[in-house]
PDB file of N, CA and C in Angstrom:
ATOM      1  N   MET A   1      80.525  33.298 -19.595  1.00  0.00           N
ATOM      2  CA  MET A   1      80.086  33.266 -18.246  1.00  0.00           C
ATOM      3  C   MET A   1      78.702  33.906 -18.114  1.00  0.00           C
ATOM      4  N   ASN A   2      78.555  34.964 -18.888  1.00  0.00           N
ATOM      5  CA  ASN A   2      77.247  35.610 -18.873  1.00  0.00           C
ATOM      6  C   ASN A   2      76.165  34.657 -19.346  1.00  0.00           C
ATOM      7  N   GLU A   3      76.526  33.891 -20.333  1.00  0.00           N
ATOM      8  CA  GLU A   3      75.538  32.955 -20.856  1.00  0.00           C
ATOM      9  C   GLU A   3      75.179  31.897 -19.820  1.00  0.00           C
ATOM     10  N   ILE A   4      76.183  31.454 -19.090  1.00  0.00           N
ATOM     11  CA  ILE A   4      75.925  30.454 -18.060  1.00  0.00           C
ATOM     12  C   ILE A   4      75.079  31.068 -16.959  1.00  0.00           C
ATOM     13  N   LEU A   5      75.398  32.282 -16.589  1.00  0.00           N
ATOM     14  CA  LEU A   5      74.649  32.972 -15.556  1.00  0.00           C
ATOM     15  C   LEU A   5      73.207  33.196 -15.996  1.00  0.00           C
ATOM     16  N   ILE A   6      73.037  33.581 -17.238  1.00  0.00           N
ATOM     17  CA  ILE A   6      71.690  33.790 -17.774  1.00  0.00           C
ATOM     18  C   ILE A   6      70.941  32.464 -17.825  1.00  0.00           C
ATOM     19  N   THR A   7      71.627  31.420 -18.204  1.00  0.00           N
ATOM     20  CA  THR A   7      71.001  30.114 -18.270  1.00  0.00           C
ATOM     21  C   THR A   7      70.609  29.636 -16.873  1.00  0.00           C
ATOM     22  N   ILE A   8      71.518  29.813 -15.906  1.00  0.00           N
ATOM     23  CA  ILE A   8      71.225  29.394 -14.533  1.00  0.00           C
ATOM     24  C   ILE A   8      70.080  30.236 -13.979  1.00  0.00           C
ATOM     25  N   THR A   9      70.099  31.539 -14.235  1.00  0.00           N
ATOM     26  CA  THR A   9      69.032  32.418 -13.772  1.00  0.00           C
ATOM     27  C   THR A   9      67.719  32.007 -14.410  1.00  0.00           C
ATOM     28  N   GLY A  10      67.752  31.684 -15.702  1.00  0.00           N
ATOM     29  CA  GLY A  10      66.552  31.230 -16.410  1.00  0.00           C
ATOM     30  C   GLY A  10      66.030  29.931 -15.815  1.00  0.00           C
ATOM     31  N   LEU A  11      66.952  29.003 -15.523  1.00  0.00           N
ATOM     32  CA  LEU A  11      66.539  27.730 -14.933  1.00  0.00           C
ATOM     33  C   LEU A  11      65.957  27.926 -13.534  1.00  0.00           C
ATOM     34  N   ILE A  12      66.586  28.818 -12.757  1.00  0.00           N
ATOM     35  CA  ILE A  12      66.084  29.089 -11.404  1.00  0.00           C
ATOM     36  C   ILE A  12      64.704  29.725 -11.490  1.00  0.00           C
ATOM     37  N   SER A  13      64.536  30.696 -12.417  1.00  0.00           N
ATOM     38  CA  SER A  13      63.218  31.318 -12.521  1.00  0.00           C
ATOM     39  C   SER A  13      62.176  30.336 -13.017  1.00  0.00           C
ATOM     40  N   VAL A  14      62.523  29.506 -13.977  1.00  0.00           N
ATOM     41  CA  VAL A  14      61.565  28.505 -14.455  1.00  0.00           C
ATOM     42  C   VAL A  14      61.264  27.520 -13.332  1.00  0.00           C
ATOM     43  N   GLY A  15      62.305  27.082 -12.620  1.00  0.00           N
ATOM     44  CA  GLY A  15      62.116  26.148 -11.506  1.00  0.00           C
ATOM     45  C   GLY A  15      61.281  26.777 -10.392  1.00  0.00           C
ATOM     46  N   GLY A  16      61.580  28.047 -10.068  1.00  0.00           N
ATOM     47  CA  GLY A  16      60.813  28.747  -9.023  1.00  0.00           C
ATOM     48  C   GLY A  16      59.368  28.935  -9.448  1.00  0.00           C
ATOM     49  N   SER A  17      59.172  29.294 -10.705  1.00  0.00           N
ATOM     50  CA  SER A  17      57.799  29.465 -11.202  1.00  0.00           C
ATOM     51  C   SER A  17      57.047  28.144 -11.157  1.00  0.00           C
ATOM     52  N   ALA A  18      57.731  27.084 -11.558  1.00  0.00           N
ATOM     53  CA  ALA A  18      57.101  25.772 -11.546  1.00  0.00           C
ATOM     54  C   ALA A  18      56.766  25.359 -10.108  1.00  0.00           C
ATOM     55  N   PHE A  19      57.707  25.638  -9.176  1.00  0.00           N
ATOM     56  CA  PHE A  19      57.479  25.279  -7.780  1.00  0.00           C
ATOM     57  C   PHE A  19      56.293  26.055  -7.205  1.00  0.00           C
ATOM     58  N   PHE A  20      56.308  27.388  -7.396  1.00  0.00           N
ATOM     59  CA  PHE A  20      55.198  28.193  -6.880  1.00  0.00           C
ATOM     60  C   PHE A  20      53.887  27.857  -7.599  1.00  0.00           C
ATOM     61  N   GLY A  21      53.963  27.587  -8.867  1.00  0.00           N
ATOM     62  CA  GLY A  21      52.779  27.161  -9.617  1.00  0.00           C
ATOM     63  C   GLY A  21      52.223  25.853  -9.078  1.00  0.00           C
ATOM     64  N   TRP A  22      53.143  24.941  -8.757  1.00  0.00           N
ATOM     65  CA  TRP A  22      52.715  23.653  -8.200  1.00  0.00           C
ATOM     66  C   TRP A  22      52.058  23.852  -6.828  1.00  0.00           C
ATOM     67  N   ILE A  23      52.666  24.705  -5.975  1.00  0.00           N
ATOM     68  CA  ILE A  23      52.112  24.948  -4.642  1.00  0.00           C
ATOM     69  C   ILE A  23      50.724  25.581  -4.749  1.00  0.00           C
ATOM     70  N   PHE A  24      50.616  26.654  -5.543  1.00  0.00           N
ATOM     71  CA  PHE A  24      49.318  27.323  -5.678  1.00  0.00           C
ATOM     72  C   PHE A  24      48.317  26.440  -6.432  1.00  0.00           C
ATOM     73  N   GLY A  25      48.814  25.710  -7.395  1.00  0.00           N
ATOM     74  CA  GLY A  25      47.956  24.782  -8.133  1.00  0.00           C
ATOM     75  C   GLY A  25      47.442  23.674  -7.221  1.00  0.00           C
ATOM     76  N   ARG A  26      48.296  23.239  -6.317  1.00  0.00           N
ATOM     77  CA  ARG A  26      47.898  22.202  -5.368  1.00  0.00           C
ATOM     78  C   ARG A  26      46.806  22.721  -4.445  1.00  0.00           C
ATOM     79  N   ARG A  27      46.957  23.944  -3.969  1.00  0.00           N
ATOM     80  CA  ARG A  27      45.916  24.553  -3.132  1.00  0.00           C
ATOM     81  C   ARG A  27      44.609  24.660  -3.910  1.00  0.00           C
ATOM     82  N   LYS A  28      44.744  25.095  -5.163  1.00  0.00           N
ATOM     83  CA  LYS A  28      43.552  25.226  -6.002  1.00  0.00           C
ATOM     84  C   LYS A  28      42.909  23.860  -6.232  1.00  0.00           C
ATOM     85  N   SER A  29      43.721  22.845  -6.498  1.00  0.00           N
ATOM     86  CA  SER A  29      43.195  21.484  -6.711  1.00  0.00           C
ATOM     87  C   SER A  29      42.507  20.968  -5.455  1.00  0.00           C
ATOM     88  N   ASN A  30      43.137  21.213  -4.302  1.00  0.00           N
ATOM     89  CA  ASN A  30      42.518  20.780  -3.042  1.00  0.00           C
ATOM     90  C   ASN A  30      41.201  21.510  -2.815  1.00  0.00           C
ATOM     91  N   ALA A  31      41.170  22.806  -3.108  1.00  0.00           N
ATOM     92  CA  ALA A  31      39.942  23.586  -2.928  1.00  0.00           C
ATOM     93  C   ALA A  31      38.858  23.081  -3.878  1.00  0.00           C
ATOM     94  N   GLU A  32      39.239  22.791  -5.118  1.00  0.00           N
ATOM     95  CA  GLU A  32      38.262  22.265  -6.085  1.00  0.00           C
ATOM     96  C   GLU A  32      37.757  20.890  -5.654  1.00  0.00           C
ATOM     97  N   ALA A  33      38.663  20.054  -5.150  1.00  0.00           N
ATOM     98  CA  ALA A  33      38.260  18.725  -4.682  1.00  0.00           C
ATOM     99  C   ALA A  33      37.308  18.851  -3.500  1.00  0.00           C
ATOM    100  N   GLN A  34      37.609  19.788  -2.609  1.00  0.00           N
ATOM    101  CA  GLN A  34      36.750  20.012  -1.458  1.00  0.00           C
ATOM    102  C   GLN A  34      35.384  20.538  -1.908  1.00  0.00           C
ATOM    103  N   THR A  35      35.377  21.451  -2.858  1.00  0.00           N
ATOM    104  CA  THR A  35      34.114  21.984  -3.394  1.00  0.00           C
ATOM    105  C   THR A  35      33.309  20.869  -4.048  1.00  0.00           C
ATOM    106  N   THR A  36      33.977  20.022  -4.812  1.00  0.00           N
ATOM    107  CA  THR A  36      33.294  18.896  -5.456  1.00  0.00           C
ATOM    108  C   THR A  36      32.719  17.948  -4.410  1.00  0.00           C
ATOM    109  N   GLU A  37      33.488  17.700  -3.361  1.00  0.00           N
ATOM    110  CA  GLU A  37      33.018  16.827  -2.292  1.00  0.00           C
ATOM    111  C   GLU A  37      31.797  17.432  -1.594  1.00  0.00           C
ATOM    112  N   ILE A  38      31.830  18.727  -1.343  1.00  0.00           N
ATOM    113  CA  ILE A  38      30.690  19.408  -0.715  1.00  0.00           C
ATOM    114  C   ILE A  38      29.472  19.337  -1.627  1.00  0.00           C
ATOM    115  N   ASP A  39      29.691  19.579  -2.931  1.00  0.00           N
ATOM    116  CA  ASP A  39      28.580  19.497  -3.889  1.00  0.00           C
ATOM    117  C   ASP A  39      27.969  18.091  -3.899  1.00  0.00           C
ATOM    118  N   ASN A  40      28.839  17.079  -3.873  1.00  0.00           N
ATOM    119  CA  ASN A  40      28.338  15.697  -3.841  1.00  0.00           C
ATOM    120  C   ASN A  40      27.539  15.428  -2.559  1.00  0.00           C
ATOM    121  N   GLU A  41      28.029  15.935  -1.435  1.00  0.00           N
ATOM    122  CA  GLU A  41      27.304  15.751  -0.179  1.00  0.00           C
ATOM    123  C   GLU A  41      25.955  16.463  -0.210  1.00  0.00           C
ATOM    124  N   ILE A  42      25.922  17.659  -0.802  1.00  0.00           N
ATOM    125  CA  ILE A  42      24.652  18.390  -0.929  1.00  0.00           C
ATOM    126  C   ILE A  42      23.692  17.606  -1.811  1.00  0.00           C
ATOM    127  N   ARG A  43      24.182  17.078  -2.933  1.00  0.00           N
ATOM    128  CA  ARG A  43      23.329  16.268  -3.806  1.00  0.00           C
ATOM    129  C   ARG A  43      22.809  15.029  -3.082  1.00  0.00           C
ATOM    130  N   MET A  44      23.684  14.375  -2.309  1.00  0.00           N
ATOM    131  CA  MET A  44      23.254  13.192  -1.570  1.00  0.00           C
ATOM    132  C   MET A  44      22.220  13.556  -0.504  1.00  0.00           C
ATOM    133  N   SER A  45      22.438  14.675   0.189  1.00  0.00           N
ATOM    134  CA  SER A  45      21.466  15.074   1.214  1.00  0.00           C
ATOM    135  C   SER A  45      20.132  15.422   0.556  1.00  0.00           C
ATOM    136  N   ASN A  46      20.169  16.063  -0.609  1.00  0.00           N
ATOM    137  CA  ASN A  46      18.922  16.346  -1.338  1.00  0.00           C
ATOM    138  C   ASN A  46      18.246  15.050  -1.777  1.00  0.00           C
ATOM    139  N   TYR A  47      19.043  14.087  -2.208  1.00  0.00           N
ATOM    140  CA  TYR A  47      18.501  12.791  -2.617  1.00  0.00           C
ATOM    141  C   TYR A  47      17.807  12.105  -1.438  1.00  0.00           C
ATOM    142  N   TYR A  48      18.478  12.083  -0.278  1.00  0.00           N
ATOM    143  CA  TYR A  48      17.876  11.463   0.904  1.00  0.00           C
ATOM    144  C   TYR A  48      16.636  12.226   1.356  1.00  0.00           C
ATOM    145  N   LYS A  49      16.689  13.554   1.247  1.00  0.00           N
ATOM    146  CA  LYS A  49      15.523  14.363   1.615  1.00  0.00           C
ATOM    147  C   LYS A  49      14.344  14.024   0.708  1.00  0.00           C
ATOM    148  N   GLU A  50      14.597  13.903  -0.580  1.00  0.00           N
ATOM    149  CA  GLU A  50      13.533  13.529  -1.518  1.00  0.00           C
ATOM    150  C   GLU A  50      12.994  12.137  -1.195  1.00  0.00           C
ATOM    151  N   MET A  51      13.892  11.225  -0.849  1.00  0.00           N
ATOM    152  CA  MET A  51      13.445   9.872  -0.496  1.00  0.00           C
ATOM    153  C   MET A  51      12.552   9.908   0.744  1.00  0.00           C
ATOM    154  N   LEU A  52      12.957  10.696   1.741  1.00  0.00           N
ATOM    155  CA  LEU A  52      12.161  10.792   2.965  1.00  0.00           C
ATOM    156  C   LEU A  52      10.821  11.472   2.701  1.00  0.00           C
ATOM    157  N   ASP A  53      10.832  12.514   1.869  1.00  0.00           N
ATOM    158  CA  ASP A  53       9.576  13.175   1.515  1.00  0.00           C
ATOM    159  C   ASP A  53       8.662  12.207   0.782  1.00  0.00           C
ATOM    160  N   ASP A  54       9.243  11.441  -0.133  1.00  0.00           N
ATOM    161  CA  ASP A  54       8.455  10.450  -0.879  1.00  0.00           C
ATOM    162  C   ASP A  54       7.914   9.392   0.073  1.00  0.00           C
ATOM    163  N   LEU A  55       8.746   8.975   1.002  1.00  0.00           N
ATOM    164  CA  LEU A  55       8.311   7.980   1.984  1.00  0.00           C
ATOM    165  C   LEU A  55       7.157   8.537   2.816  1.00  0.00           C
ATOM    166  N   ARG A  56       7.284   9.801   3.228  1.00  0.00           N
ATOM    167  CA  ARG A  56       6.215  10.419   4.011  1.00  0.00           C
ATOM    168  C   ARG A  56       4.931  10.493   3.188  1.00  0.00           C
ATOM    169  N   ASN A  57       5.049  10.876   1.924  1.00  0.00           N
ATOM    170  CA  ASN A  57       3.862  10.965   1.063  1.00  0.00           C
ATOM    171  C   ASN A  57       3.226   9.590   0.870  1.00  0.00           C
ATOM    172  N   ARG A  58       4.061   8.577   0.645  1.00  0.00           N
ATOM    173  CA  ARG A  58       3.523   7.224   0.480  1.00  0.00           C
ATOM    174  C   ARG A  58       2.878   6.738   1.774  1.00  0.00           C
ATOM    175  N   TYR A  59       3.497   7.060   2.914  1.00  0.00           N
ATOM    176  CA  TYR A  59       2.918   6.670   4.203  1.00  0.00           C
ATOM    177  C   TYR A  59       1.564   7.350   4.396  1.00  0.00           C
ATOM    178  N   GLU A  60       1.490   8.648   4.111  1.00  0.00           N
ATOM    179  CA  GLU A  60       0.228   9.377   4.257  1.00  0.00           C
ATOM    180  C   GLU A  60      -0.849   8.771   3.366  1.00  0.00           C
ATOM    181  N   LYS A  61      -0.491   8.429   2.134  1.00  0.00           N
ATOM    182  CA  LYS A  61      -1.471   7.846   1.218  1.00  0.00           C
ATOM    183  C   LYS A  61      -1.942   6.488   1.735  1.00  0.00           C
ATOM    184  N   LYS A  62      -1.002   5.666   2.172  1.00  0.00           N
ATOM    185  CA  LYS A  62      -1.372   4.348   2.711  1.00  0.00           C
ATOM    186  C   LYS A  62      -2.247   4.508   3.956  1.00  0.00           C
ATOM    187  N   TYR A  63      -1.898   5.474   4.802  1.00  0.00           N
ATOM    188  CA  TYR A  63      -2.687   5.705   6.004  1.00  0.00           C
ATOM    189  C   TYR A  63      -4.099   6.154   5.640  1.00  0.00           C
ATOM    190  N   GLN A  64      -4.218   7.047   4.669  1.00  0.00           N
ATOM    191  CA  GLN A  64      -5.540   7.499   4.234  1.00  0.00           C
ATOM    192  C   GLN A  64      -6.333   6.351   3.620  1.00  0.00           C
ATOM    193  N   ASP A  65      -5.671   5.515   2.824  1.00  0.00           N
ATOM    194  CA  ASP A  65      -6.347   4.341   2.250  1.00  0.00           C
ATOM    195  C   ASP A  65      -6.823   3.409   3.357  1.00  0.00           C
ATOM    196  N   TYR A  66      -5.959   3.178   4.341  1.00  0.00           N
ATOM    197  CA  TYR A  66      -6.309   2.297   5.452  1.00  0.00           C
ATOM    198  C   TYR A  66      -7.470   2.891   6.248  1.00  0.00           C
ATOM    199  N   GLU A  67      -7.404   4.191   6.499  1.00  0.00           N
ATOM    200  CA  GLU A  67      -8.466   4.852   7.254  1.00  0.00           C
ATOM    201  C   GLU A  67      -9.795   4.767   6.502  1.00  0.00           C
ATOM    202  N   ALA A  68      -9.760   4.976   5.183  1.00  0.00           N
ATOM    203  CA  ALA A  68     -10.983   4.868   4.378  1.00  0.00           C
ATOM    204  C   ALA A  68     -11.527   3.439   4.428  1.00  0.00           C
ATOM    205  N   LEU A  69     -10.641   2.463   4.347  1.00  0.00           N
ATOM    206  CA  LEU A  69     -11.055   1.064   4.424  1.00  0.00           C
ATOM    207  C   LEU A  69     -11.702   0.762   5.780  1.00  0.00           C
ATOM    208  N   MET A  70     -11.075   1.226   6.850  1.00  0.00           N
ATOM    209  CA  MET A  70     -11.618   0.982   8.187  1.00  0.00           C
ATOM    210  C   MET A  70     -12.958   1.704   8.371  1.00  0.00           C
ATOM    211  N   ASN A  71     -13.087   2.911   7.814  1.00  0.00           N
ATOM    212  CA  ASN A  71     -14.355   3.632   7.913  1.00  0.00           C
ATOM    213  C   ASN A  71     -15.463   2.893   7.169  1.00  0.00           C
ATOM    214  N   SER A  72     -15.136   2.380   5.985  1.00  0.00           N
ATOM    215  CA  SER A  72     -16.155   1.640   5.232  1.00  0.00           C
ATOM    216  C   SER A  72     -16.498   0.323   5.942  1.00  0.00           C
ATOM    217  N   LYS A  73     -15.498  -0.317   6.527  1.00  0.00           N
ATOM    218  CA  LYS A  73     -15.746  -1.551   7.267  1.00  0.00           C
ATOM    219  C   LYS A  73     -16.614  -1.262   8.492  1.00  0.00           C
ATOM    220  N   GLU A  74     -16.317  -0.150   9.166  1.00  0.00           N
ATOM    221  CA  GLU A  74     -17.118   0.237  10.328  1.00  0.00           C
ATOM    222  C   GLU A  74     -18.561   0.506   9.910  1.00  0.00           C
ATOM    223  N   LYS A  75     -18.743   1.168   8.774  1.00  0.00           N
ATOM    224  CA  LYS A  75     -20.090   1.453   8.282  1.00  0.00           C
ATOM    225  C   LYS A  75     -20.849   0.149   8.001  1.00  0.00           C
ATOM    226  N   VAL A  76     -20.178  -0.801   7.338  1.00  0.00           N
ATOM    227  CA  VAL A  76     -20.804  -2.090   7.027  1.00  0.00           C
ATOM    228  C   VAL A  76     -21.180  -2.817   8.321  1.00  0.00           C
ATOM    229  N   LEU A  77     -20.271  -2.805   9.299  1.00  0.00           N
ATOM    230  CA  LEU A  77     -20.542  -3.492  10.571  1.00  0.00           C
ATOM    231  C   LEU A  77     -21.693  -2.812  11.330  1.00  0.00           C
ATOM    232  N   ARG A  78     -21.746  -1.494  11.285  1.00  0.00           N
ATOM    233  CA  ARG A  78     -22.852  -0.777  11.935  1.00  0.00           C
ATOM    234  C   ARG A  78     -24.191  -1.120  11.271  1.00  0.00           C
ATOM    235  N   GLU A  79     -24.166  -1.194   9.940  1.00  0.00           N
ATOM    236  CA  GLU A  79     -25.392  -1.578   9.225  1.00  0.00           C
ATOM    237  C   GLU A  79     -25.804  -3.005   9.592  1.00  0.00           C
ATOM    238  N   GLU A  80     -24.815  -3.880   9.705  1.00  0.00           N
ATOM    239  CA  GLU A  80     -25.105  -5.263  10.081  1.00  0.00           C
ATOM    240  C   GLU A  80     -25.697  -5.320  11.488  1.00  0.00           C
ATOM    241  N   VAL A  81     -25.159  -4.525  12.410  1.00  0.00           N
ATOM    242  CA  VAL A  81     -25.691  -4.478  13.771  1.00  0.00           C
ATOM    243  C   VAL A  81     -27.136  -3.975  13.741  1.00  0.00           C
ATOM    244  N   THR A  82     -27.403  -2.945  12.931  1.00  0.00           N
ATOM    245  CA  THR A  82     -28.762  -2.414  12.815  1.00  0.00           C
ATOM    246  C   THR A  82     -29.715  -3.486  12.303  1.00  0.00           C
ATOM    247  N   ILE A  83     -29.290  -4.205  11.287  1.00  0.00           N
ATOM    248  CA  ILE A  83     -30.124  -5.278  10.720  1.00  0.00           C
ATOM    249  C   ILE A  83     -30.373  -6.358  11.769  1.00  0.00           C
ATOM    250  N   LEU A  84     -29.331  -6.737  12.495  1.00  0.00           N
ATOM    251  CA  LEU A  84     -29.483  -7.772  13.513  1.00  0.00           C
ATOM    252  C   LEU A  84     -30.386  -7.300  14.654  1.00  0.00           C
ATOM    253  N   ASN A  85     -30.298  -6.033  15.024  1.00  0.00           N
ATOM    254  CA  ASN A  85     -31.193  -5.495  16.058  1.00  0.00           C
ATOM    255  C   ASN A  85     -32.651  -5.525  15.596  1.00  0.00           C
ATOM    256  N   ARG A  86     -32.872  -5.186  14.337  1.00  0.00           N
ATOM    257  CA  ARG A  86     -34.230  -5.271  13.790  1.00  0.00           C
ATOM    258  C   ARG A  86     -34.732  -6.711  13.811  1.00  0.00           C
ATOM    259  N   LYS A  87     -33.854  -7.633  13.463  1.00  0.00           N
ATOM    260  CA  LYS A  87     -34.231  -9.050  13.461  1.00  0.00           C
ATOM    261  C   LYS A  87     -34.572  -9.506  14.880  1.00  0.00           C
ATOM    262  N   ILE A  88     -33.794  -9.033  15.863  1.00  0.00           N
ATOM    263  CA  ILE A  88     -34.067  -9.375  17.260  1.00  0.00           C
ATOM    264  C   ILE A  88     -35.444  -8.858  17.654  1.00  0.00           C
ATOM    265  N   GLU A  89     -35.732  -7.604  17.284  1.00  0.00           N
ATOM    266  CA  GLU A  89     -37.047  -7.022  17.607  1.00  0.00           C
ATOM    267  C   GLU A  89     -38.176  -7.834  16.963  1.00  0.00           C
ATOM    268  N   MET A  90     -37.985  -8.220  15.703  1.00  0.00           N
ATOM    269  CA  MET A  90     -39.001  -9.021  15.019  1.00  0.00           C
ATOM    270  C   MET A  90     -39.192 -10.360  15.708  1.00  0.00           C
ATOM    271  N   LEU A  91     -38.087 -11.009  16.083  1.00  0.00           N
ATOM    272  CA  LEU A  91     -38.177 -12.308  16.743  1.00  0.00           C
ATOM    273  C   LEU A  91     -38.810 -12.181  18.133  1.00  0.00           C
ATOM    274  N   GLN A  92     -38.505 -11.071  18.829  1.00  0.00           N
ATOM    275  CA  GLN A  92     -39.132 -10.855  20.136  1.00  0.00           C
ATOM    276  C   GLN A  92     -40.641 -10.668  19.977  1.00  0.00           C
ATOM    277  N   THR A  93     -41.033  -9.898  18.966  1.00  0.00           N
ATOM    278  CA  THR A  93     -42.463  -9.707  18.700  1.00  0.00           C
ATOM    279  C   THR A  93     -43.118 -11.033  18.352  1.00  0.00           C
ATOM    280  N   GLU A  94     -42.473 -11.809  17.502  1.00  0.00           N
ATOM    281  CA  GLU A  94     -43.013 -13.116  17.119  1.00  0.00           C
ATOM    282  C   GLU A  94     -43.101 -14.026  18.347  1.00  0.00           C
ATOM    283  N   ASN A  95     -42.076 -13.994  19.180  1.00  0.00           N
ATOM    284  CA  ASN A  95     -42.064 -14.815  20.386  1.00  0.00           C
ATOM    285  C   ASN A  95     -43.223 -14.418  21.312  1.00  0.00           C
ATOM    286  N   THR A  96     -43.432 -13.103  21.482  1.00  0.00           N
ATOM    287  CA  THR A  96     -44.532 -12.633  22.324  1.00  0.00           C
ATOM    288  C   THR A  96     -45.871 -13.110  21.774  1.00  0.00           C
ATOM    289  N   GLU A  97     -46.045 -12.992  20.465  1.00  0.00           N
ATOM    290  CA  GLU A  97     -47.297 -13.441  19.839  1.00  0.00           C
ATOM    291  C   GLU A  97     -47.487 -14.947  20.010  1.00  0.00           C
ATOM    292  N   LEU A  98     -46.419 -15.699  19.853  1.00  0.00           N
ATOM    293  CA  LEU A  98     -46.512 -17.150  20.005  1.00  0.00           C
ATOM    294  C   LEU A  98     -46.814 -17.530  21.460  1.00  0.00           C
ATOM    295  N   ARG A  99     -46.246 -16.825  22.420  1.00  0.00           N
ATOM    296  CA  ARG A  99     -46.546 -17.087  23.831  1.00  0.00           C
ATOM    297  C   ARG A  99     -48.030 -16.816  24.121  1.00  0.00           C
ATOM    298  N   LYS A 100     -48.518 -15.699  23.556  1.00  0.00           N
ATOM    299  CA  LYS A 100     -49.943 -15.402  23.727  1.00  0.00           C
ATOM    300  C   LYS A 100     -50.796 -16.515  23.133  1.00  0.00           C
ATOM    301  N   ARG A 101     -50.405 -16.999  21.976  1.00  0.00           N
ATOM    302  CA  ARG A 101     -51.151 -18.079  21.304  1.00  0.00           C
ATOM    303  C   ARG A 101     -51.105 -19.355  22.131  1.00  0.00           C
ATOM    304  N   VAL A 102     -49.915 -19.656  22.714  1.00  0.00           N
ATOM    305  CA  VAL A 102     -49.775 -20.846  23.552  1.00  0.00           C
ATOM    306  C   VAL A 102     -50.686 -20.719  24.776  1.00  0.00           C
ATOM    307  N   ILE A 103     -50.681 -19.549  25.415  1.00  0.00           N
ATOM    308  CA  ILE A 103     -51.540 -19.326  26.587  1.00  0.00           C
ATOM    309  C   ILE A 103     -53.008 -19.485  26.195  1.00  0.00           C
ATOM    310  N   GLU A 104     -53.347 -18.918  25.046  1.00  0.00           N
ATOM    311  CA  GLU A 104     -54.738 -19.035  24.570  1.00  0.00           C
ATOM    312  C   GLU A 104     -55.101 -20.491  24.313  1.00  0.00           C
ATOM    313  N   LEU A 105     -54.210 -21.217  23.699  1.00  0.00           N
ATOM    314  CA  LEU A 105     -54.479 -22.632  23.414  1.00  0.00           C
ATOM    315  C   LEU A 105     -54.555 -23.447  24.701  1.00  0.00           C
ATOM    316  N   GLU A 106     -53.696 -23.147  25.667  1.00  0.00           N
ATOM    317  CA  GLU A 106     -53.754 -23.850  26.951  1.00  0.00           C
ATOM    318  C   GLU A 106     -55.088 -23.576  27.658  1.00  0.00           C
ATOM    319  N   ARG A 107     -55.533 -22.330  27.608  1.00  0.00           N
ATOM    320  CA  ARG A 107     -56.800 -21.966  28.228  1.00  0.00           C
ATOM    321  C   ARG A 107     -57.967 -22.699  27.560  1.00  0.00           C
ATOM    322  N   LEU A 108     -57.901 -22.749  26.249  1.00  0.00           N
ATOM    323  CA  LEU A 108     -58.962 -23.449  25.526  1.00  0.00           C
ATOM    324  C   LEU A 108     -58.947 -24.948  25.837  1.00  0.00           C
ATOM    325  N   THR A 109     -57.748 -25.509  25.992  1.00  0.00           N
ATOM    326  CA  THR A 109     -57.619 -26.923  26.268  1.00  0.00           C
ATOM    327  C   THR A 109     -58.109 -27.232  27.684  1.00  0.00           C
ATOM    328  N   LYS A 110     -57.860 -26.359  28.636  1.00  0.00           N
ATOM    329  CA  LYS A 110     -58.304 -26.574  30.012  1.00  0.00           C
ATOM    330  C   LYS A 110     -59.823 -26.536  30.112  1.00  0.00           C
ATOM    331  N   HIS A 111     -60.486 -25.765  29.324  1.00  0.00           N
ATOM    332  CA  HIS A 111     -61.931 -25.644  29.380  1.00  0.00           C
ATOM    333  C   HIS A 111     -62.625 -26.765  28.621  1.00  0.00           C
ATOM    334  N   GLY A 112     -61.874 -27.601  28.065  1.00  0.00           N
ATOM    335  CA  GLY A 112     -62.463 -28.736  27.370  1.00  0.00           C
ATOM    336  C   GLY A 112     -62.876 -28.426  25.956  1.00  0.00           C
ATOM    337  N   ASN A 113     -62.541 -27.285  25.501  1.00  0.00           N
ATOM    338  CA  ASN A 113     -62.883 -26.936  24.132  1.00  0.00           C
ATOM    339  C   ASN A 113     -61.825 -27.523  23.223  1.00  0.00           C
ATOM    340  N   LYS A 114     -62.228 -28.394  22.377  1.00  0.00           N
ATOM    341  CA  LYS A 114     -61.279 -29.082  21.495  1.00  0.00           C
ATOM    342  C   LYS A 114     -61.027 -28.290  20.229  1.00  0.00           C
ATOM    343  N   SER A 115     -61.726 -27.222  20.040  1.00  0.00           N
ATOM    344  CA  SER A 115     -61.570 -26.427  18.839  1.00  0.00           C
ATOM    345  C   SER A 115     -60.343 -25.543  19.000  1.00  0.00           C
ATOM    346  N   LEU A 116     -59.472 -25.604  18.076  1.00  0.00           N
ATOM    347  CA  LEU A 116     -58.211 -24.853  18.169  1.00  0.00           C
ATOM    348  C   LEU A 116     -58.232 -23.625  17.292  1.00  0.00           C
ATOM    349  N   THR A 117     -59.380 -23.282  16.754  1.00  0.00           N
ATOM    350  CA  THR A 117     -59.402 -22.108  15.891  1.00  0.00           C
ATOM    351  C   THR A 117     -59.783 -20.863  16.590  1.00  0.00           C
TER     352      THR A 117
END
């Protein structure tokens, strides 16, 4: 009877230990799973943060490239305007000189002078 009692007590203690081990082990497993999930979320948030930082850097670079392009285009257009203004001034001067020449030639023609020099 003692042997049966010892065996039953041994089985109960092994069963109780296994049960409590399973309960505490389950809590530990859940805590580890939760920690792993949090770590994964932190890694994902860091990944997205890096992507956004990279996107911001690429946007800034593209914006600077675009701004430099527009500045150079503006410079070229300003130079073209300057050249065209100079051409206008030259043509106005030429036009004034030609008008004077026409008036001079008309005056010479009215006086009967056939010499055009």
